[in-house]
Amino acid sequence: MEKFDITTVKFNDQGLIPVIAQDAKTLELLMLAWMNAASLSETLKTGRMTYWSRSRQAYWRKGESSGHVQTLKDMRIDCDRDCLLAMVEQVGPACHTNRKSCFYTAIRQGEEVELSKPE
């Protein structure tokens, strides 16, 4: 085991890296968000998922206003070091639409199929 070095992370031109949040127990994919170096450091330090909101240009601690908190259980980095997988404990729905997952629409035979309703 070696110490994690954040300088080896390959952030994009905007200084961001995509993060996939996955339920640590069920393995369901919950959402995709973005982090910069500071939000990644904050997440690793506190264990609370902290993202960078591209639309608001601000830090976003998951669940801060909704109560739908994500607690980090395991953080993984891919082989190219340009994408993260956060294994999380999710309280309540992960999606801002009030669904468990943001991946609630399937595309099947050219049609969109809604897989889940808001909680």
C-alpha atoms as a PDB file:
ATOM      1  CA  MET A   1       0.000   0.000   0.000  1.00  0.00           C
ATOM      2  CA  GLU A   2       1.283   3.463  -0.836  1.00  0.00           C
ATOM      3  CA  LYS A   3       0.185   6.939   0.195  1.00  0.00           C
ATOM      4  CA  PHE A   4      -2.349   8.582  -2.161  1.00  0.00           C
ATOM      5  CA  ASP A   5      -0.868  11.545  -4.041  1.00  0.00           C
ATOM      6  CA  ILE A   6      -3.575  13.897  -5.338  1.00  0.00           C
ATOM      7  CA  THR A   7      -1.111  15.417  -7.813  1.00  0.00           C
ATOM      8  CA  THR A   8      -1.287  12.151  -9.811  1.00  0.00           C
ATOM      9  CA  VAL A   9      -5.017  12.661 -10.489  1.00  0.00           C
ATOM     10  CA  LYS A  10      -5.689  13.747 -14.084  1.00  0.00           C
ATOM     11  CA  PHE A  11      -8.156  16.618 -13.816  1.00  0.00           C
ATOM     12  CA  ASN A  12      -9.587  17.964 -17.093  1.00  0.00           C
ATOM     13  CA  ASP A  13      -8.896  21.428 -18.554  1.00  0.00           C
ATOM     14  CA  GLN A  14     -11.419  22.943 -16.119  1.00  0.00           C
ATOM     15  CA  GLY A  15      -9.630  21.301 -13.193  1.00  0.00           C
ATOM     16  CA  LEU A  16     -12.410  18.722 -12.709  1.00  0.00           C
ATOM     17  CA  ILE A  17     -12.709  14.946 -12.580  1.00  0.00           C
ATOM     18  CA  PRO A  18     -15.937  12.934 -13.018  1.00  0.00           C
ATOM     19  CA  VAL A  19     -17.099  10.946  -9.999  1.00  0.00           C
ATOM     20  CA  ILE A  20     -19.565   8.076 -10.183  1.00  0.00           C
ATOM     21  CA  ALA A  21     -21.421   7.501  -6.902  1.00  0.00           C
ATOM     22  CA  GLN A  22     -22.423   3.889  -6.288  1.00  0.00           C
ATOM     23  CA  ASP A  23     -24.370   2.464  -3.356  1.00  0.00           C
ATOM     24  CA  ALA A  24     -21.820   0.488  -1.340  1.00  0.00           C
ATOM     25  CA  LYS A  25     -24.401  -2.125  -0.261  1.00  0.00           C
ATOM     26  CA  THR A  26     -26.622  -2.648  -3.313  1.00  0.00           C
ATOM     27  CA  LEU A  27     -24.018  -1.634  -5.935  1.00  0.00           C
ATOM     28  CA  GLU A  28     -26.686   0.446  -7.702  1.00  0.00           C
ATOM     29  CA  LEU A  29     -25.254   3.357  -9.680  1.00  0.00           C
ATOM     30  CA  LEU A  30     -26.643   6.507  -8.111  1.00  0.00           C
ATOM     31  CA  MET A  31     -25.275   9.527  -9.939  1.00  0.00           C
ATOM     32  CA  LEU A  32     -22.427  11.220 -11.753  1.00  0.00           C
ATOM     33  CA  ALA A  33     -20.970  14.460 -10.460  1.00  0.00           C
ATOM     34  CA  TRP A  34     -17.709  16.407 -10.612  1.00  0.00           C
ATOM     35  CA  MET A  35     -14.917  17.200  -8.171  1.00  0.00           C
ATOM     36  CA  ASN A  36     -11.968  19.520  -8.221  1.00  0.00           C
ATOM     37  CA  ALA A  37      -8.839  19.017  -6.102  1.00  0.00           C
ATOM     38  CA  ALA A  38     -10.294  20.890  -3.127  1.00  0.00           C
ATOM     39  CA  SER A  39     -13.605  18.987  -3.085  1.00  0.00           C
ATOM     40  CA  LEU A  40     -11.757  15.670  -3.461  1.00  0.00           C
ATOM     41  CA  SER A  41      -9.492  16.579  -0.543  1.00  0.00           C
ATOM     42  CA  GLU A  42     -12.491  17.644   1.554  1.00  0.00           C
ATOM     43  CA  THR A  43     -14.314  14.401   0.791  1.00  0.00           C
ATOM     44  CA  LEU A  44     -11.298  12.289   1.739  1.00  0.00           C
ATOM     45  CA  LYS A  45     -10.752  14.317   4.919  1.00  0.00           C
ATOM     46  CA  THR A  46     -14.361  14.371   6.179  1.00  0.00           C
ATOM     47  CA  GLY A  47     -15.945  11.262   4.642  1.00  0.00           C
ATOM     48  CA  ARG A  48     -18.862  13.407   3.402  1.00  0.00           C
ATOM     49  CA  MET A  49     -19.263  13.590  -0.366  1.00  0.00           C
ATOM     50  CA  THR A  50     -18.408  17.099  -1.496  1.00  0.00           C
ATOM     51  CA  TYR A  51     -18.704  17.920  -5.178  1.00  0.00           C
ATOM     52  CA  TRP A  52     -18.132  20.913  -7.451  1.00  0.00           C
ATOM     53  CA  SER A  53     -21.325  22.232  -9.040  1.00  0.00           C
ATOM     54  CA  ARG A  54     -20.553  23.312 -12.579  1.00  0.00           C
ATOM     55  CA  SER A  55     -23.860  25.179 -12.922  1.00  0.00           C
ATOM     56  CA  ARG A  56     -23.527  27.114  -9.648  1.00  0.00           C
ATOM     57  CA  GLN A  57     -19.713  27.305  -9.741  1.00  0.00           C
ATOM     58  CA  ALA A  58     -19.671  26.403  -6.050  1.00  0.00           C
ATOM     59  CA  TYR A  59     -18.947  23.531  -3.689  1.00  0.00           C
ATOM     60  CA  TRP A  60     -21.840  21.231  -3.021  1.00  0.00           C
ATOM     61  CA  ARG A  61     -21.858  18.967  -0.005  1.00  0.00           C
ATOM     62  CA  LYS A  62     -24.346  16.234  -0.916  1.00  0.00           C
ATOM     63  CA  GLY A  63     -27.426  16.416   1.332  1.00  0.00           C
ATOM     64  CA  GLU A  64     -26.636  19.818   2.803  1.00  0.00           C
ATOM     65  CA  SER A  65     -30.081  21.198   1.945  1.00  0.00           C
ATOM     66  CA  SER A  66     -32.068  18.005   1.224  1.00  0.00           C
ATOM     67  CA  GLY A  67     -30.791  15.809   4.046  1.00  0.00           C
ATOM     68  CA  HIS A  68     -29.982  13.123   1.446  1.00  0.00           C
ATOM     69  CA  VAL A  69     -26.414  12.705   2.648  1.00  0.00           C
ATOM     70  CA  GLN A  70     -23.747  10.533   1.047  1.00  0.00           C
ATOM     71  CA  THR A  71     -21.086   9.088   3.342  1.00  0.00           C
ATOM     72  CA  LEU A  72     -17.935   7.820   1.672  1.00  0.00           C
ATOM     73  CA  LYS A  73     -17.213   4.131   2.287  1.00  0.00           C
ATOM     74  CA  ASP A  74     -14.505   3.590  -0.352  1.00  0.00           C
ATOM     75  CA  MET A  75     -12.949   5.774  -3.052  1.00  0.00           C
ATOM     76  CA  ARG A  76     -11.488   4.219  -6.183  1.00  0.00           C
ATOM     77  CA  ILE A  77      -9.589   5.711  -9.092  1.00  0.00           C
ATOM     78  CA  ASP A  78      -9.517   4.196 -12.573  1.00  0.00           C
ATOM     79  CA  CYS A  79      -6.408   2.973 -14.379  1.00  0.00           C
ATOM     80  CA  ASP A  80      -5.985   6.224 -16.331  1.00  0.00           C
ATOM     81  CA  ARG A  81      -6.440   8.238 -13.095  1.00  0.00           C
ATOM     82  CA  ASP A  82      -9.083  10.429 -14.803  1.00  0.00           C
ATOM     83  CA  CYS A  83     -12.282   9.109 -13.219  1.00  0.00           C
ATOM     84  CA  LEU A  84     -13.334   8.308  -9.643  1.00  0.00           C
ATOM     85  CA  LEU A  85     -15.764   5.776  -8.230  1.00  0.00           C
ATOM     86  CA  ALA A  86     -17.175   6.653  -4.820  1.00  0.00           C
ATOM     87  CA  MET A  87     -18.750   3.773  -2.937  1.00  0.00           C
ATOM     88  CA  VAL A  88     -21.213   5.550  -0.644  1.00  0.00           C
ATOM     89  CA  GLU A  89     -23.852   5.065   1.978  1.00  0.00           C
ATOM     90  CA  GLN A  90     -26.830   7.010   0.644  1.00  0.00           C
ATOM     91  CA  VAL A  91     -29.526   8.449   2.921  1.00  0.00           C
ATOM     92  CA  GLY A  92     -32.744   9.018   0.956  1.00  0.00           C
ATOM     93  CA  PRO A  93     -32.818   9.509  -2.811  1.00  0.00           C
ATOM     94  CA  ALA A  94     -29.593  10.464  -4.597  1.00  0.00           C
ATOM     95  CA  CYS A  95     -31.255  12.274  -7.516  1.00  0.00           C
ATOM     96  CA  HIS A  96     -32.552  15.845  -7.352  1.00  0.00           C
ATOM     97  CA  THR A  97     -35.764  14.466  -8.945  1.00  0.00           C
ATOM     98  CA  ASN A  98     -36.327  12.585  -5.657  1.00  0.00           C
ATOM     99  CA  ARG A  99     -35.504   9.198  -7.197  1.00  0.00           C
ATOM    100  CA  LYS A 100     -33.037   6.726  -5.693  1.00  0.00           C
ATOM    101  CA  SER A 101     -30.810   6.966  -8.780  1.00  0.00           C
ATOM    102  CA  CYS A 102     -30.281   9.564 -11.485  1.00  0.00           C
ATOM    103  CA  PHE A 103     -30.237   6.668 -13.973  1.00  0.00           C
ATOM    104  CA  TYR A 104     -33.996   6.156 -13.993  1.00  0.00           C
ATOM    105  CA  THR A 105     -34.556   6.363 -17.770  1.00  0.00           C
ATOM    106  CA  ALA A 106     -33.768   3.445 -20.072  1.00  0.00           C
ATOM    107  CA  ILE A 107     -33.512   3.741 -23.834  1.00  0.00           C
ATOM    108  CA  ARG A 108     -35.029   0.599 -25.322  1.00  0.00           C
ATOM    109  CA  GLN A 109     -35.765   0.031 -28.996  1.00  0.00           C
ATOM    110  CA  GLY A 110     -35.609   3.763 -29.636  1.00  0.00           C
ATOM    111  CA  GLU A 111     -38.028   4.605 -26.831  1.00  0.00           C
ATOM    112  CA  GLU A 112     -37.462   6.138 -23.396  1.00  0.00           C
ATOM    113  CA  VAL A 113     -38.755   4.023 -20.518  1.00  0.00           C
ATOM    114  CA  GLU A 114     -39.118   5.482 -17.012  1.00  0.00           C
ATOM    115  CA  LEU A 115     -37.771   2.851 -14.590  1.00  0.00           C
ATOM    116  CA  SER A 116     -38.699   4.502 -11.314  1.00  0.00           C
ATOM    117  CA  LYS A 117     -40.966   7.179  -9.899  1.00  0.00           C
ATOM    118  CA  PRO A 118     -39.982   9.849  -7.352  1.00  0.00           C
ATOM    119  CA  GLU A 119     -40.022   8.620  -3.763  1.00  0.00           C
END
